[in-house]
Amino acid sequence: LKLDYDVVLKEWSDKTSPFAGDSPAIDSAGNDVQARLANIDLFSENGGMREASVQRYKEKRRTRLFSKKIRYQVRKVNADLRPRIK
């Protein structure tokens, strides 16, 4: 989820604090507010499911095979028998 933090801060400027606890100390650049907005868990009802699925995705991405290797011989046989239409 990508957020434009400046737009979010501008929209919330006339409302109450977007944070559940005490309001953060705001520095001149607003870096602390942006950091806290980036760390808000928008899907907390799922518990750790998001982190687990992200970990699975990263592991699958890390172990992808990019070679042109035929993994199942039966697929090659079927492809060779299939008539080619141009």
Protein backbone atom coordinates (compact mmCIF):
# COMPACT_ATOMS: atom_id res chain seq x y z
CA LEU A 1 0.00 0.00 0.00
CA LYS A 2 1.59 3.23 -1.12
CA LEU A 3 0.42 6.43 0.53
CA ASP A 4 1.20 10.03 -0.25
CA TYR A 5 1.97 11.11 3.30
CA ASP A 6 1.84 14.82 2.53
CA VAL A 7 -1.74 14.49 1.26
CA VAL A 8 -2.71 12.40 4.29
CA LEU A 9 -1.24 14.97 6.67
CA LYS A 10 -2.97 17.80 4.81
CA GLU A 11 -6.34 16.03 5.01
CA TRP A 12 -5.91 15.32 8.73
CA SER A 13 -4.69 18.82 9.60
CA ASP A 14 -8.14 20.11 10.60
CA LYS A 15 -9.24 16.90 12.34
CA THR A 16 -8.20 15.10 15.48
CA SER A 17 -4.96 13.18 15.71
CA PRO A 18 -4.74 10.09 13.46
CA PHE A 19 -2.79 8.29 16.20
CA ALA A 20 -4.48 6.18 18.87
CA GLY A 21 -2.21 7.19 21.75
CA ASP A 22 -0.64 10.49 22.60
CA SER A 23 0.18 12.71 19.66
CA PRO A 24 3.79 12.54 18.52
CA ALA A 25 6.25 15.36 18.86
CA ILE A 26 6.34 16.91 15.40
CA ASP A 27 9.67 18.13 14.13
CA SER A 28 10.01 20.76 11.46
CA ALA A 29 10.30 18.27 8.59
CA GLY A 30 7.49 16.01 9.79
CA ASN A 31 9.67 12.91 9.49
CA ASP A 32 8.41 11.39 12.74
CA VAL A 33 4.79 11.71 11.62
CA GLN A 34 5.59 10.12 8.29
CA ALA A 35 7.44 7.29 9.99
CA ARG A 36 4.51 6.61 12.32
CA LEU A 37 2.02 6.73 9.44
CA ALA A 38 4.17 4.22 7.54
CA ASN A 39 4.09 1.82 10.51
CA ILE A 40 0.31 1.83 11.01
CA ASP A 41 -1.06 -1.69 10.57
CA LEU A 42 -4.12 -1.25 8.37
CA PHE A 43 -5.05 -4.94 8.50
CA SER A 44 -4.66 -5.72 12.19
CA GLU A 45 -7.66 -8.07 12.24
CA ASN A 46 -5.62 -10.58 10.21
CA GLY A 47 -2.99 -10.86 12.91
CA GLY A 48 0.28 -12.15 11.49
CA MET A 49 -1.22 -13.52 8.31
CA ARG A 50 0.08 -10.63 6.20
CA GLU A 51 3.64 -11.04 7.44
CA ALA A 52 3.48 -14.79 6.84
CA SER A 53 2.19 -14.35 3.29
CA VAL A 54 4.82 -11.70 2.54
CA GLN A 55 7.52 -14.06 3.83
CA ARG A 56 6.18 -16.87 1.59
CA TYR A 57 6.14 -14.52 -1.40
CA LYS A 58 9.72 -13.39 -0.78
CA GLU A 59 10.92 -16.97 -0.38
CA LYS A 60 9.22 -18.04 -3.63
CA ARG A 61 10.65 -15.02 -5.43
CA ARG A 62 14.12 -15.81 -4.11
CA THR A 63 14.01 -19.42 -5.32
CA ARG A 64 12.52 -18.84 -8.79
CA LEU A 65 14.14 -20.69 -11.66
CA PHE A 66 14.73 -18.58 -14.74
CA SER A 67 16.21 -21.32 -16.92
CA LYS A 68 14.38 -22.84 -19.87
CA LYS A 69 14.35 -26.27 -18.28
CA ILE A 70 11.51 -28.68 -19.06
CA ARG A 71 10.26 -29.82 -15.67
CA TYR A 72 7.78 -32.45 -16.79
CA GLN A 73 8.60 -34.68 -19.75
CA VAL A 74 4.90 -35.32 -20.43
CA ARG A 75 4.40 -31.62 -21.15
CA LYS A 76 7.10 -31.73 -23.80
CA VAL A 77 5.60 -34.84 -25.37
CA ASN A 78 2.14 -33.26 -25.48
CA ALA A 79 3.55 -30.04 -26.92
CA ASP A 80 5.44 -31.95 -29.61
CA LEU A 81 2.30 -33.89 -30.58
CA ARG A 82 0.07 -30.80 -30.65
CA PRO A 83 -0.39 -29.45 -34.19
CA ARG A 84 1.09 -25.98 -34.63
CA ILE A 85 -1.16 -23.39 -36.23
CA LYS A 86 0.36 -20.30 -37.78
